[in-house]
Amino acid sequence: MIEPANGSSWVADRPAPAARTEPRRRTSRSYAALDLGTNNCRLLIAEPAHFGFRVVDAFSRIVRLGEGLGLGNRLSDDAIMRTLEALRVCREKMIAKDVIRARLVATEACRLAQNGPAFIERVRRDLDLELEIVDRKTEAYLAVTGCASLVDPKAQSVIIFDIGGGSTEIAWLDGQAPHAFADPCKRIRAWDSLPVGVVTLAERHGGIDVTPKTFENMVEEVSDLLMNFAIGAAEAGRARNFHLLGTSGTVTTVGGIHLGLARYDRRRVDGMWMRNGEISTVMERLLHSDFRQRAENPCIGKDRADLVLAGCAILEAIRRAFPSERLRIADRGLREGILMNMMREDSVWRGGSQR
């Protein structure tokens, strides 16, 4: 077992072990945020910067922890082993970067699974990492915090959504931010967490051979789940400069395909704008491609080829509920939200309202 510097464990949103004192070694200012979702395990390590933070290390691996949850209620042994291995890598990275504070969260798969608590306990016992199972409201608010900086400053209203593996978070932000360091969650007028994501939707409808009819059935399922939120936030779309802001593998994939990238490039995708017709063109292209063609696309890959159309169906349901000529794409979200909150709480930025 790999031990932290002082032999103790990292727990959710508490100080990480202090680095051992060594001559001429700078004091670490690294924070870590880990997002264990239904499909991915993602880690981000960053240091405070003048405006936000600077990423010093990152890790992402598809683990499919929630594989089978669309049809059952238990995490499988194979999924658990894949996830433990990914978490071990994350732990080694946090040790290597002398992380001073970390928050490690688990979302829908662990919320739903009957053996979710037993899995959390195994992670604590085997890896000395304490995962925090966050509720859906917390997940939605963290996603908003992580990508709200990409809201058009001229927009009086925006719908932010995060399409996950087992759930989809959506929020309506109203008004404009008073300053760069303001808490965007104070602008949330309404939010919801839909119990559907790319993994669970694909498992129910099939993700390999997706016909137009299958796709439409997926859209209709999501639209039904979205109905109450859509009614409550109906006036959002009538505000000046309204737009959508999406964060997830689905929207970044759509952006990468639109750009014709030979290899996914976060620097080109994060923050890009797409017009309504451009999104429709990419989705039509995906719908009329077969599994092999999707797997060979460098912005999709074989690990996500059976999930991308389920994600597009969720995106399509949101577009129908909130028609907008503009969608901004965020390759950021929950992890960034965790980091922003920890740094805001620690008053690391000069000139922010927290000082």
Foldseek 3Di string as FASTA:
>chain_A
DDAAQVRAFAEAFDWDDAHDDDPPDDGAQKEKEWEAEQFKTKMWIWHQDQQATGTDDIDMDTLNQQAPVLPPAAGDPSSLVSVLVRVLVVLVVCRVRRHTTYHAEYEDNLVRHPCSVVSQVCCCVVPVYHYHYDYPVLQLLLQCLKQVLLPDQPWQKEKEWEAGQFKIKIWIFGGGDPDSLDRSVVRTPDIDIFRGHLNSLCVVQNQAQAAPVSLVVLLVVLLVSCVVVLVVCVCRLVTPPYEYEYEYLLQLLLQCVLVVDQARDQVVQASDKDFPVSSVVSLVVLNPDGLVVQQPRNSAHNSRSSRNSSNVSNVVSVCVSRPDGMYTYHHIGNRSSVSSVSCLVVVVHPPDPSD
